[in-house]
């Protein structure tokens, strides 16, 4: 908790010292992402966060809410003793011990588990122009809270890139206790989602 307080105070102090007056206005975006998540003791899988993002240029802040965060995790091998994973010269295979035949590998694989979560984070943009792959982007550092599966405070590091027609993309890493996310994010003005340009 002490680390979180120190980080928040540092972000606010940096913002107060380095904030510049800018005519840009605050913008609200619909946000969605696709990435890889590792949840300790639950597994690794695909993560799809959906929510909203508020960019406040005057204070160089980005507030994000993941209203729905879907994690699709591959479970461990099935416990059905009839099907066992074995290895041959050509690689892994699944053997039906009752019939002695090789069967489709899904019989030995685990099920897909869907976990729901939600969260919010606040990031500060200490570097407004950072080049990544030859494209200018904004570096963002922040803290957040994940509400479920697992509940944890996390730190976030990201790069934000402006796109055409008011859209944007980004790369994001979030690290917390028993939680790691690495993925790509996209933002669109709500009017574009509704078909109004």
N, C-alpha and C. Protein backbone atom coordinates (compact mmCIF):
# COMPACT_ATOMS: atom_id res chain seq x y z
N UNK A 1 0.83 -1.19 0.00
CA UNK A 1 0.00 0.00 0.00
C UNK A 1 0.87 1.25 0.00
N UNK A 2 2.01 1.18 0.73
CA UNK A 2 2.91 2.32 0.79
C UNK A 2 3.45 2.65 -0.60
N UNK A 3 3.81 1.59 -1.36
CA UNK A 3 4.30 1.78 -2.72
C UNK A 3 3.28 2.50 -3.58
N UNK A 4 2.02 2.12 -3.46
CA UNK A 4 0.95 2.75 -4.24
C UNK A 4 0.83 4.23 -3.92
N UNK A 5 0.89 4.56 -2.64
CA UNK A 5 0.80 5.97 -2.23
C UNK A 5 1.98 6.79 -2.77
N UNK A 6 3.18 6.22 -2.66
CA UNK A 6 4.37 6.91 -3.16
C UNK A 6 4.27 7.11 -4.67
N UNK A 7 3.81 6.08 -5.39
CA UNK A 7 3.67 6.18 -6.84
C UNK A 7 2.63 7.23 -7.23
N UNK A 8 1.49 7.22 -6.57
CA UNK A 8 0.45 8.22 -6.87
C UNK A 8 0.95 9.63 -6.58
N UNK A 9 1.63 9.82 -5.43
CA UNK A 9 2.15 11.14 -5.09
C UNK A 9 3.18 11.58 -6.13
N UNK A 10 4.05 10.65 -6.56
CA UNK A 10 5.06 10.99 -7.57
C UNK A 10 4.42 11.40 -8.89
N UNK A 11 3.38 10.66 -9.30
CA UNK A 11 2.69 11.00 -10.55
C UNK A 11 2.05 12.39 -10.46
N UNK A 12 1.43 12.68 -9.33
CA UNK A 12 0.81 14.00 -9.16
C UNK A 12 1.85 15.11 -9.14
N UNK A 13 2.98 14.86 -8.47
CA UNK A 13 4.04 15.85 -8.40
C UNK A 13 4.64 16.11 -9.79
N UNK A 14 4.92 15.05 -10.53
CA UNK A 14 5.45 15.20 -11.88
C UNK A 14 4.46 15.97 -12.75
N UNK A 15 3.19 15.65 -12.59
CA UNK A 15 2.15 16.34 -13.36
C UNK A 15 2.09 17.82 -13.03
N UNK A 16 2.23 18.14 -11.75
CA UNK A 16 2.17 19.55 -11.34
C UNK A 16 3.39 20.32 -11.84
N UNK A 17 4.56 19.68 -11.81
CA UNK A 17 5.77 20.36 -12.25
C UNK A 17 5.87 20.47 -13.77
N UNK A 18 5.42 19.43 -14.47
CA UNK A 18 5.64 19.40 -15.91
C UNK A 18 4.42 19.69 -16.76
N UNK A 19 3.30 19.92 -16.13
CA UNK A 19 2.08 20.14 -16.93
C UNK A 19 2.19 21.45 -17.70
N UNK A 20 1.78 21.39 -18.95
CA UNK A 20 1.80 22.57 -19.79
C UNK A 20 0.37 22.88 -20.19
N UNK A 21 0.09 24.14 -20.33
CA UNK A 21 -1.25 24.53 -20.77
C UNK A 21 -1.42 24.12 -22.23
N UNK A 22 -2.48 23.39 -22.50
CA UNK A 22 -2.73 22.92 -23.86
C UNK A 22 -4.18 23.20 -24.20
N UNK A 23 -4.43 23.59 -25.43
CA UNK A 23 -5.80 23.86 -25.82
C UNK A 23 -6.63 22.61 -26.06
N UNK A 24 -5.98 21.44 -26.15
CA UNK A 24 -6.72 20.20 -26.43
C UNK A 24 -7.73 19.93 -25.32
N UNK A 25 -8.85 19.38 -25.72
CA UNK A 25 -9.91 19.13 -24.75
C UNK A 25 -9.91 17.67 -24.30
N UNK A 26 -10.58 17.43 -23.20
CA UNK A 26 -10.75 16.08 -22.68
C UNK A 26 -11.60 15.27 -23.65
N UNK A 27 -11.20 14.01 -23.89
CA UNK A 27 -11.92 13.17 -24.84
C UNK A 27 -12.26 11.83 -24.22
N UNK A 28 -13.48 11.35 -24.50
CA UNK A 28 -13.94 10.05 -24.04
C UNK A 28 -13.92 9.08 -25.22
N UNK A 29 -13.44 7.87 -24.99
CA UNK A 29 -13.35 6.85 -26.03
C UNK A 29 -13.96 5.54 -25.54
N UNK A 30 -14.48 4.77 -26.48
CA UNK A 30 -14.79 3.37 -26.22
C UNK A 30 -13.48 2.61 -26.41
N UNK A 31 -13.17 1.70 -25.51
CA UNK A 31 -11.87 1.02 -25.56
C UNK A 31 -12.05 -0.49 -25.54
N UNK A 32 -11.21 -1.18 -26.30
CA UNK A 32 -11.20 -2.63 -26.26
C UNK A 32 -9.78 -3.11 -26.52
N UNK A 33 -9.48 -4.30 -26.05
CA UNK A 33 -8.14 -4.81 -26.19
C UNK A 33 -8.12 -6.30 -26.46
N UNK A 34 -6.93 -6.79 -26.76
CA UNK A 34 -6.71 -8.21 -26.98
C UNK A 34 -5.29 -8.51 -26.54
N UNK A 35 -5.15 -9.44 -25.61
CA UNK A 35 -3.82 -9.73 -25.11
C UNK A 35 -3.72 -11.08 -24.46
N UNK A 36 -2.60 -11.29 -23.80
CA UNK A 36 -2.33 -12.52 -23.08
C UNK A 36 -2.34 -12.19 -21.60
N UNK A 37 -3.00 -13.05 -20.82
CA UNK A 37 -3.07 -12.84 -19.38
C UNK A 37 -2.54 -14.08 -18.68
N UNK A 38 -1.85 -13.87 -17.56
CA UNK A 38 -1.38 -14.96 -16.72
C UNK A 38 -1.93 -14.71 -15.33
N UNK A 39 -2.84 -15.57 -14.90
CA UNK A 39 -3.43 -15.46 -13.58
C UNK A 39 -2.87 -16.59 -12.73
N UNK A 40 -2.10 -16.24 -11.71
CA UNK A 40 -1.45 -17.23 -10.86
C UNK A 40 -2.48 -18.22 -10.32
N UNK A 41 -2.15 -19.48 -10.39
CA UNK A 41 -2.98 -20.60 -9.92
C UNK A 41 -4.25 -20.80 -10.73
N UNK A 42 -4.45 -20.02 -11.80
CA UNK A 42 -5.63 -20.21 -12.64
C UNK A 42 -5.25 -20.50 -14.08
N UNK A 43 -4.09 -20.06 -14.52
CA UNK A 43 -3.63 -20.39 -15.85
C UNK A 43 -3.30 -19.20 -16.72
N UNK A 44 -2.95 -19.51 -17.96
CA UNK A 44 -2.58 -18.53 -18.97
C UNK A 44 -3.63 -18.59 -20.07
N UNK A 45 -3.94 -17.44 -20.66
CA UNK A 45 -4.92 -17.45 -21.74
C UNK A 45 -5.04 -16.13 -22.44
N UNK A 46 -6.11 -16.00 -23.19
CA UNK A 46 -6.41 -14.79 -23.95
C UNK A 46 -7.28 -13.88 -23.09
N UNK A 47 -7.02 -12.58 -23.14
CA UNK A 47 -7.80 -11.62 -22.36
C UNK A 47 -8.38 -10.57 -23.29
N UNK A 48 -9.65 -10.23 -23.07
CA UNK A 48 -10.35 -9.23 -23.88
C UNK A 48 -10.99 -8.20 -22.95
N UNK A 49 -10.28 -7.08 -22.68
CA UNK A 49 -10.88 -6.02 -21.87
C UNK A 49 -11.74 -5.08 -22.72
N UNK A 50 -12.92 -4.75 -22.22
CA UNK A 50 -13.86 -3.84 -22.89
C UNK A 50 -14.25 -2.74 -21.92
N UNK A 51 -14.25 -1.49 -22.37
CA UNK A 51 -14.62 -0.41 -21.46
C UNK A 51 -14.52 0.96 -22.09
N UNK A 52 -14.07 1.92 -21.28
CA UNK A 52 -13.98 3.31 -21.71
C UNK A 52 -12.65 3.89 -21.27
N UNK A 53 -12.21 4.90 -22.02
CA UNK A 53 -10.97 5.59 -21.70
C UNK A 53 -11.19 7.09 -21.81
N UNK A 54 -10.74 7.81 -20.82
CA UNK A 54 -10.86 9.26 -20.79
C UNK A 54 -9.45 9.84 -20.84
N UNK A 55 -9.18 10.66 -21.86
CA UNK A 55 -7.86 11.28 -21.99
C UNK A 55 -8.00 12.76 -21.63
N UNK A 56 -7.18 13.19 -20.67
CA UNK A 56 -7.22 14.57 -20.17
C UNK A 56 -5.87 15.21 -20.51
N UNK A 57 -5.74 15.80 -21.71
CA UNK A 57 -4.45 16.34 -22.16
C UNK A 57 -3.88 17.43 -21.26
N UNK A 58 -4.73 18.26 -20.69
CA UNK A 58 -4.25 19.38 -19.88
C UNK A 58 -3.38 18.89 -18.72
N UNK A 59 -3.76 17.77 -18.11
CA UNK A 59 -3.01 17.23 -16.98
C UNK A 59 -2.19 16.00 -17.36
N UNK A 60 -2.20 15.66 -18.64
CA UNK A 60 -1.47 14.51 -19.16
C UNK A 60 -1.87 13.22 -18.43
N UNK A 61 -3.17 13.03 -18.28
CA UNK A 61 -3.71 11.86 -17.60
C UNK A 61 -4.57 11.02 -18.53
N UNK A 62 -4.57 9.72 -18.27
CA UNK A 62 -5.44 8.78 -18.98
C UNK A 62 -6.15 7.95 -17.91
N UNK A 63 -7.47 8.05 -17.86
CA UNK A 63 -8.26 7.24 -16.94
C UNK A 63 -8.97 6.16 -17.76
N UNK A 64 -8.88 4.93 -17.32
CA UNK A 64 -9.49 3.82 -18.05
C UNK A 64 -10.33 2.97 -17.11
N UNK A 65 -11.46 2.52 -17.64
CA UNK A 65 -12.35 1.60 -16.91
C UNK A 65 -12.57 0.39 -17.79
N UNK A 66 -12.26 -0.78 -17.27
CA UNK A 66 -12.56 -2.02 -17.96
C UNK A 66 -13.87 -2.54 -17.35
N UNK A 67 -14.98 -2.19 -17.98
CA UNK A 67 -16.29 -2.57 -17.46
C UNK A 67 -16.52 -4.07 -17.54
N UNK A 68 -15.92 -4.70 -18.53
CA UNK A 68 -16.01 -6.15 -18.69
C UNK A 68 -14.66 -6.65 -19.20
N UNK A 69 -14.07 -7.54 -18.44
CA UNK A 69 -12.77 -8.09 -18.80
C UNK A 69 -12.92 -9.61 -18.85
N UNK A 70 -12.88 -10.17 -20.05
CA UNK A 70 -13.05 -11.61 -20.24
C UNK A 70 -11.70 -12.29 -20.41
N UNK A 71 -11.43 -13.28 -19.59
CA UNK A 71 -10.20 -14.07 -19.70
C UNK A 71 -10.59 -15.49 -20.08
N UNK A 72 -10.05 -15.98 -21.18
CA UNK A 72 -10.30 -17.35 -21.64
C UNK A 72 -9.04 -18.16 -21.34
N UNK A 73 -9.12 -19.03 -20.33
CA UNK A 73 -7.95 -19.75 -19.85
C UNK A 73 -8.02 -21.22 -20.21
N UNK A 74 -6.89 -21.76 -20.64
CA UNK A 74 -6.79 -23.19 -20.92
C UNK A 74 -6.53 -23.91 -19.60
N UNK A 75 -7.40 -24.83 -19.26
CA UNK A 75 -7.24 -25.60 -18.02
C UNK A 75 -6.22 -26.71 -18.22
N UNK A 76 -5.78 -27.28 -17.13
CA UNK A 76 -4.81 -28.37 -17.18
C UNK A 76 -5.43 -29.58 -17.87
N UNK A 77 -4.61 -30.59 -18.13
CA UNK A 77 -5.10 -31.81 -18.78
C UNK A 77 -6.29 -32.39 -18.02
N UNK A 78 -7.14 -33.05 -18.76
CA UNK A 78 -8.33 -33.68 -18.16
C UNK A 78 -7.91 -34.76 -17.17
N UNK A 79 -8.78 -35.02 -16.22
CA UNK A 79 -8.48 -36.04 -15.22
C UNK A 79 -9.04 -37.41 -15.60
N UNK A 80 -9.68 -37.52 -16.77
CA UNK A 80 -10.23 -38.79 -17.24
C UNK A 80 -9.07 -39.73 -17.57
N UNK A 81 -8.92 -40.79 -16.79
CA UNK A 81 -7.79 -41.71 -16.94
C UNK A 81 -7.85 -42.51 -18.25
N UNK A 82 -8.99 -42.51 -18.92
CA UNK A 82 -9.11 -43.26 -20.17
C UNK A 82 -8.19 -42.69 -21.25
N UNK A 83 -8.03 -41.37 -21.29
CA UNK A 83 -7.22 -40.72 -22.31
C UNK A 83 -5.93 -40.20 -21.68
N UNK A 84 -4.80 -40.59 -22.26
CA UNK A 84 -3.51 -40.16 -21.73
C UNK A 84 -2.67 -39.54 -22.84
N UNK A 85 -1.91 -38.55 -22.45
CA UNK A 85 -1.00 -37.91 -23.39
C UNK A 85 0.28 -38.72 -23.43
N UNK A 86 0.73 -39.04 -24.63
CA UNK A 86 1.95 -39.81 -24.80
C UNK A 86 2.79 -39.16 -25.89
N UNK A 87 4.04 -39.58 -26.01
CA UNK A 87 4.93 -38.98 -27.00
C UNK A 87 5.50 -40.06 -27.91
N UNK A 88 5.44 -39.80 -29.20
CA UNK A 88 6.01 -40.68 -30.21
C UNK A 88 7.11 -39.92 -30.93
N UNK A 89 7.73 -40.56 -31.91
CA UNK A 89 8.80 -39.93 -32.67
C UNK A 89 8.33 -38.66 -33.38
N UNK A 90 7.03 -38.59 -33.70
CA UNK A 90 6.50 -37.43 -34.43
C UNK A 90 5.92 -36.37 -33.51
N UNK A 91 6.05 -36.55 -32.22
CA UNK A 91 5.55 -35.55 -31.28
C UNK A 91 4.48 -36.10 -30.35
N UNK A 92 3.79 -35.21 -29.63
CA UNK A 92 2.80 -35.65 -28.66
C UNK A 92 1.55 -36.20 -29.35
N UNK A 93 0.89 -37.11 -28.66
CA UNK A 93 -0.34 -37.71 -29.17
C UNK A 93 -1.24 -38.05 -27.98
N UNK A 94 -2.50 -38.33 -28.27
CA UNK A 94 -3.47 -38.68 -27.24
C UNK A 94 -3.90 -40.13 -27.49
N UNK A 95 -3.77 -40.96 -26.47
CA UNK A 95 -4.06 -42.38 -26.59
C UNK A 95 -5.30 -42.75 -25.78
N UNK A 96 -6.23 -43.46 -26.42
CA UNK A 96 -7.41 -44.00 -25.73
C UNK A 96 -6.97 -45.34 -25.14
N UNK A 97 -6.83 -45.41 -23.81
CA UNK A 97 -6.32 -46.62 -23.17
C UNK A 97 -7.32 -47.77 -23.24
N UNK A 98 -8.59 -47.49 -23.45
CA UNK A 98 -9.61 -48.54 -23.54
C UNK A 98 -9.52 -49.28 -24.88
N UNK A 99 -9.33 -48.53 -25.97
CA UNK A 99 -9.29 -49.14 -27.30
C UNK A 99 -7.87 -49.33 -27.83
N UNK A 100 -6.91 -48.58 -27.28
CA UNK A 100 -5.54 -48.65 -27.75
C UNK A 100 -5.26 -47.82 -28.98
N UNK A 101 -6.25 -47.03 -29.43
CA UNK A 101 -6.10 -46.20 -30.63
C UNK A 101 -5.69 -44.77 -30.25
N UNK A 102 -5.00 -44.13 -31.20
CA UNK A 102 -4.72 -42.70 -31.06
C UNK A 102 -6.00 -41.95 -31.40
N UNK A 103 -6.32 -40.94 -30.61
CA UNK A 103 -7.53 -40.15 -30.81
C UNK A 103 -7.16 -38.68 -30.92
N UNK A 104 -8.13 -37.86 -31.23
CA UNK A 104 -7.90 -36.42 -31.36
C UNK A 104 -7.33 -35.85 -30.06
N UNK A 105 -6.40 -34.92 -30.19
CA UNK A 105 -5.71 -34.37 -29.02
C UNK A 105 -6.63 -33.61 -28.07
N UNK A 106 -7.80 -33.17 -28.53
CA UNK A 106 -8.68 -32.43 -27.62
C UNK A 106 -9.18 -33.32 -26.48
N UNK A 107 -9.16 -34.64 -26.68
CA UNK A 107 -9.60 -35.56 -25.61
C UNK A 107 -8.65 -35.52 -24.42
N UNK A 108 -7.40 -35.19 -24.65
CA UNK A 108 -6.42 -35.11 -23.56
C UNK A 108 -6.28 -33.69 -23.02
N UNK A 109 -6.74 -32.71 -23.76
CA UNK A 109 -6.59 -31.32 -23.34
C UNK A 109 -7.62 -30.92 -22.31
N UNK A 110 -7.33 -29.85 -21.62
CA UNK A 110 -8.26 -29.32 -20.63
C UNK A 110 -9.33 -28.46 -21.27
N UNK A 111 -10.33 -28.15 -20.50
CA UNK A 111 -11.41 -27.28 -20.97
C UNK A 111 -10.96 -25.83 -20.97
N UNK A 112 -11.74 -24.99 -21.62
CA UNK A 112 -11.51 -23.54 -21.57
C UNK A 112 -12.38 -22.96 -20.47
N UNK A 113 -11.76 -22.22 -19.59
CA UNK A 113 -12.48 -21.61 -18.49
C UNK A 113 -12.59 -20.11 -18.77
N UNK A 114 -13.79 -19.56 -18.59
CA UNK A 114 -14.02 -18.13 -18.80
C UNK A 114 -14.11 -17.45 -17.44
N UNK A 115 -13.26 -16.45 -17.22
CA UNK A 115 -13.29 -15.68 -15.98
C UNK A 115 -13.67 -14.24 -16.31
N UNK A 116 -14.53 -13.67 -15.50
CA UNK A 116 -14.97 -12.30 -15.67
C UNK A 116 -14.28 -11.42 -14.63
N UNK A 117 -13.97 -10.20 -15.02
CA UNK A 117 -13.40 -9.25 -14.08
C UNK A 117 -13.80 -7.85 -14.50
N UNK A 118 -13.36 -6.88 -13.73
CA UNK A 118 -13.52 -5.47 -14.04
C UNK A 118 -12.38 -4.74 -13.37
N UNK A 119 -12.14 -3.53 -13.81
CA UNK A 119 -11.03 -2.80 -13.22
C UNK A 119 -11.00 -1.36 -13.68
N UNK A 120 -10.07 -0.62 -13.12
CA UNK A 120 -9.89 0.79 -13.48
C UNK A 120 -8.44 1.16 -13.22
N UNK A 121 -7.92 2.06 -14.04
CA UNK A 121 -6.57 2.55 -13.78
C UNK A 121 -6.44 4.01 -14.19
N UNK A 122 -5.44 4.64 -13.61
CA UNK A 122 -5.13 6.04 -13.89
C UNK A 122 -3.65 6.11 -14.24
N UNK A 123 -3.36 6.68 -15.40
CA UNK A 123 -1.98 6.77 -15.88
C UNK A 123 -1.60 8.22 -16.14
N UNK A 124 -0.32 8.49 -15.95
CA UNK A 124 0.25 9.80 -16.24
C UNK A 124 1.16 9.65 -17.45
N UNK A 125 1.18 10.66 -18.31
CA UNK A 125 2.01 10.64 -19.52
C UNK A 125 3.25 11.50 -19.27
N UNK A 126 4.37 10.89 -18.80
CA UNK A 126 5.57 11.68 -18.54
C UNK A 126 6.32 12.05 -19.82
N UNK A 127 6.16 11.25 -20.88
CA UNK A 127 6.83 11.52 -22.16
C UNK A 127 5.76 11.60 -23.24
N UNK A 128 5.59 12.79 -23.80
CA UNK A 128 4.53 12.98 -24.79
C UNK A 128 4.91 12.52 -26.19
N UNK A 129 6.20 12.45 -26.50
CA UNK A 129 6.61 11.96 -27.81
C UNK A 129 7.76 10.98 -27.62
N UNK A 130 7.45 9.72 -27.84
CA UNK A 130 8.43 8.64 -27.76
C UNK A 130 8.28 7.82 -29.03
N UNK A 131 9.37 7.57 -29.72
CA UNK A 131 9.28 6.84 -30.99
C UNK A 131 9.41 5.34 -30.76
N UNK A 132 8.48 4.60 -31.34
CA UNK A 132 8.47 3.14 -31.24
C UNK A 132 8.16 2.61 -32.63
N UNK A 133 9.09 1.90 -33.22
CA UNK A 133 8.89 1.40 -34.59
C UNK A 133 8.76 2.53 -35.60
N UNK A 134 9.42 3.66 -35.33
CA UNK A 134 9.36 4.80 -36.24
C UNK A 134 8.09 5.63 -36.14
N UNK A 135 7.22 5.32 -35.18
CA UNK A 135 5.97 6.08 -35.02
C UNK A 135 5.99 6.81 -33.69
N UNK A 136 5.53 8.08 -33.69
CA UNK A 136 5.50 8.81 -32.42
C UNK A 136 4.34 8.34 -31.55
N UNK A 137 4.63 8.17 -30.28
CA UNK A 137 3.60 7.76 -29.33
C UNK A 137 3.84 8.41 -27.98
N UNK A 138 2.88 8.23 -27.10
CA UNK A 138 2.97 8.78 -25.76
C UNK A 138 3.23 7.64 -24.78
N UNK A 139 4.20 7.83 -23.90
CA UNK A 139 4.51 6.85 -22.87
C UNK A 139 3.64 7.12 -21.66
N UNK A 140 2.95 6.11 -21.14
CA UNK A 140 2.05 6.28 -20.00
C UNK A 140 2.43 5.31 -18.88
N UNK A 141 2.47 5.81 -17.65
CA UNK A 141 2.75 5.02 -16.46
C UNK A 141 1.62 5.23 -15.47
N UNK A 142 1.18 4.16 -14.81
CA UNK A 142 0.09 4.36 -13.87
C UNK A 142 -0.13 3.21 -12.92
N UNK A 143 -1.22 3.33 -12.18
CA UNK A 143 -1.64 2.30 -11.23
C UNK A 143 -3.12 2.02 -11.46
N UNK A 144 -3.53 0.82 -11.08
CA UNK A 144 -4.93 0.45 -11.24
C UNK A 144 -5.36 -0.57 -10.22
N UNK A 145 -6.63 -0.91 -10.29
CA UNK A 145 -7.20 -1.91 -9.39
C UNK A 145 -8.07 -2.86 -10.19
N UNK A 146 -7.82 -4.14 -10.04
CA UNK A 146 -8.61 -5.19 -10.69
C UNK A 146 -9.57 -5.73 -9.64
N UNK A 147 -10.87 -5.74 -9.96
CA UNK A 147 -11.88 -6.06 -8.96
C UNK A 147 -12.14 -7.52 -8.70
N UNK A 148 -11.87 -8.39 -9.67
CA UNK A 148 -12.16 -9.82 -9.52
C UNK A 148 -11.10 -10.66 -10.22
N UNK A 149 -10.95 -11.88 -9.77
CA UNK A 149 -10.16 -12.93 -10.44
C UNK A 149 -8.79 -12.50 -10.93
N UNK A 150 -7.85 -12.12 -10.14
CA UNK A 150 -7.87 -11.88 -8.71
C UNK A 150 -8.05 -10.39 -8.42
N UNK A 151 -8.43 -10.08 -7.20
CA UNK A 151 -8.47 -8.68 -6.75
C UNK A 151 -7.05 -8.27 -6.45
N UNK A 152 -6.61 -7.22 -7.11
CA UNK A 152 -5.23 -6.79 -6.89
C UNK A 152 -5.02 -5.37 -7.39
N UNK A 153 -4.08 -4.70 -6.77
CA UNK A 153 -3.57 -3.42 -7.27
C UNK A 153 -2.49 -3.77 -8.28
N UNK A 154 -2.40 -3.01 -9.37
CA UNK A 154 -1.39 -3.31 -10.38
C UNK A 154 -0.77 -2.02 -10.91
N UNK A 155 0.43 -2.16 -11.44
CA UNK A 155 1.08 -1.07 -12.13
C UNK A 155 0.91 -1.26 -13.63
N UNK A 156 0.89 -0.17 -14.37
CA UNK A 156 0.70 -0.28 -15.81
C UNK A 156 1.71 0.59 -16.55
N UNK A 157 2.15 0.09 -17.69
CA UNK A 157 3.07 0.79 -18.58
C UNK A 157 2.50 0.65 -19.98
N UNK A 158 2.42 1.75 -20.70
CA UNK A 158 1.84 1.66 -22.03
C UNK A 158 2.37 2.69 -22.99
N UNK A 159 2.15 2.44 -24.27
CA UNK A 159 2.44 3.39 -25.34
C UNK A 159 1.14 3.65 -26.07
N UNK A 160 0.82 4.91 -26.28
CA UNK A 160 -0.42 5.31 -26.95
C UNK A 160 -0.07 5.98 -28.28
N UNK A 161 -0.77 5.58 -29.34
CA UNK A 161 -0.53 6.13 -30.67
C UNK A 161 -1.83 6.71 -31.22
N UNK A 162 -1.75 7.91 -31.79
CA UNK A 162 -2.92 8.50 -32.43
C UNK A 162 -3.15 7.82 -33.77
N UNK A 163 -4.43 7.62 -34.09
CA UNK A 163 -4.80 6.99 -35.35
C UNK A 163 -5.65 7.92 -36.19
N UNK A 164 -6.15 7.43 -37.32
CA UNK A 164 -6.99 8.26 -38.19
C UNK A 164 -8.38 8.48 -37.60
N UNK A 165 -8.99 9.58 -37.95
CA UNK A 165 -10.37 9.90 -37.57
C UNK A 165 -10.61 9.87 -36.06
N UNK A 166 -9.64 10.30 -35.28
CA UNK A 166 -9.82 10.37 -33.84
C UNK A 166 -9.66 9.05 -33.10
N UNK A 167 -9.28 7.99 -33.80
CA UNK A 167 -9.09 6.70 -33.14
C UNK A 167 -7.66 6.62 -32.60
N UNK A 168 -7.34 5.53 -31.94
CA UNK A 168 -6.01 5.35 -31.41
C UNK A 168 -5.72 3.89 -31.13
N UNK A 169 -4.44 3.58 -31.00
CA UNK A 169 -4.01 2.23 -30.65
C UNK A 169 -3.01 2.33 -29.52
N UNK A 170 -2.68 1.21 -28.96
CA UNK A 170 -1.71 1.22 -27.89
C UNK A 170 -1.21 -0.17 -27.55
N UNK A 171 -0.11 -0.17 -26.83
CA UNK A 171 0.46 -1.39 -26.28
C UNK A 171 0.45 -1.21 -24.77
N UNK A 172 0.06 -2.25 -24.05
CA UNK A 172 -0.11 -2.09 -22.61
C UNK A 172 0.41 -3.31 -21.87
N UNK A 173 1.10 -3.06 -20.76
CA UNK A 173 1.56 -4.10 -19.85
C UNK A 173 1.03 -3.75 -18.47
N UNK A 174 0.41 -4.71 -17.79
CA UNK A 174 -0.09 -4.50 -16.43
C UNK A 174 0.45 -5.62 -15.55
N UNK A 175 1.05 -5.26 -14.41
CA UNK A 175 1.64 -6.23 -13.49
C UNK A 175 1.08 -6.02 -12.10
N UNK A 176 0.52 -7.07 -11.54
CA UNK A 176 0.00 -7.02 -10.17
C UNK A 176 0.30 -8.32 -9.47
N UNK A 177 -0.15 -8.44 -8.23
CA UNK A 177 0.04 -9.68 -7.50
C UNK A 177 -0.84 -10.76 -8.12
N UNK A 178 -0.25 -11.83 -8.59
CA UNK A 178 -0.95 -12.96 -9.23
C UNK A 178 -1.64 -12.55 -10.53
N UNK A 179 -1.15 -11.50 -11.21
CA UNK A 179 -1.80 -11.00 -12.43
C UNK A 179 -0.78 -10.34 -13.34
N UNK A 180 -0.72 -10.78 -14.61
CA UNK A 180 0.12 -10.15 -15.63
C UNK A 180 -0.70 -10.08 -16.92
N UNK A 181 -0.70 -8.90 -17.56
CA UNK A 181 -1.39 -8.73 -18.84
C UNK A 181 -0.44 -8.03 -19.81
N UNK A 182 -0.35 -8.53 -21.03
CA UNK A 182 0.40 -7.89 -22.10
C UNK A 182 -0.50 -7.93 -23.34
N UNK A 183 -0.76 -6.75 -23.92
CA UNK A 183 -1.64 -6.77 -25.08
C UNK A 183 -1.70 -5.47 -25.83
N UNK A 184 -2.54 -5.48 -26.85
CA UNK A 184 -2.79 -4.30 -27.68
C UNK A 184 -4.17 -3.76 -27.35
N UNK A 185 -4.30 -2.45 -27.39
CA UNK A 185 -5.57 -1.79 -27.10
C UNK A 185 -5.93 -0.86 -28.25
N UNK A 186 -7.22 -0.67 -28.46
CA UNK A 186 -7.73 0.24 -29.46
C UNK A 186 -8.79 1.12 -28.83
N UNK A 187 -8.84 2.37 -29.25
CA UNK A 187 -9.87 3.29 -28.77
C UNK A 187 -10.55 3.94 -29.97
N UNK A 188 -11.86 4.15 -29.84
CA UNK A 188 -12.66 4.80 -30.87
C UNK A 188 -13.57 5.82 -30.21
N UNK A 189 -13.78 6.97 -30.84
CA UNK A 189 -14.78 7.90 -30.31
C UNK A 189 -16.15 7.22 -30.35
N UNK A 190 -16.97 7.39 -29.32
CA UNK A 190 -18.29 6.73 -29.31
C UNK A 190 -19.13 7.03 -30.56
N UNK A 191 -18.97 8.21 -31.14
CA UNK A 191 -19.74 8.56 -32.35
C UNK A 191 -19.40 7.63 -33.50
N UNK A 192 -18.14 7.20 -33.60
CA UNK A 192 -17.76 6.28 -34.68
C UNK A 192 -18.39 4.92 -34.49
N UNK A 193 -18.55 4.50 -33.25
CA UNK A 193 -19.20 3.21 -32.99
C UNK A 193 -20.66 3.24 -33.40
N UNK A 194 -21.28 4.40 -33.26
CA UNK A 194 -22.70 4.54 -33.61
C UNK A 194 -22.90 4.87 -35.08
N UNK A 195 -21.80 4.96 -35.83
CA UNK A 195 -21.91 5.23 -37.26
C UNK A 195 -22.05 6.71 -37.60
N UNK A 196 -21.86 7.59 -36.63
CA UNK A 196 -21.94 9.03 -36.88
C UNK A 196 -20.53 9.58 -37.02
N UNK A 197 -20.23 10.18 -38.13
CA UNK A 197 -18.87 10.71 -38.36
C UNK A 197 -18.88 12.15 -38.14
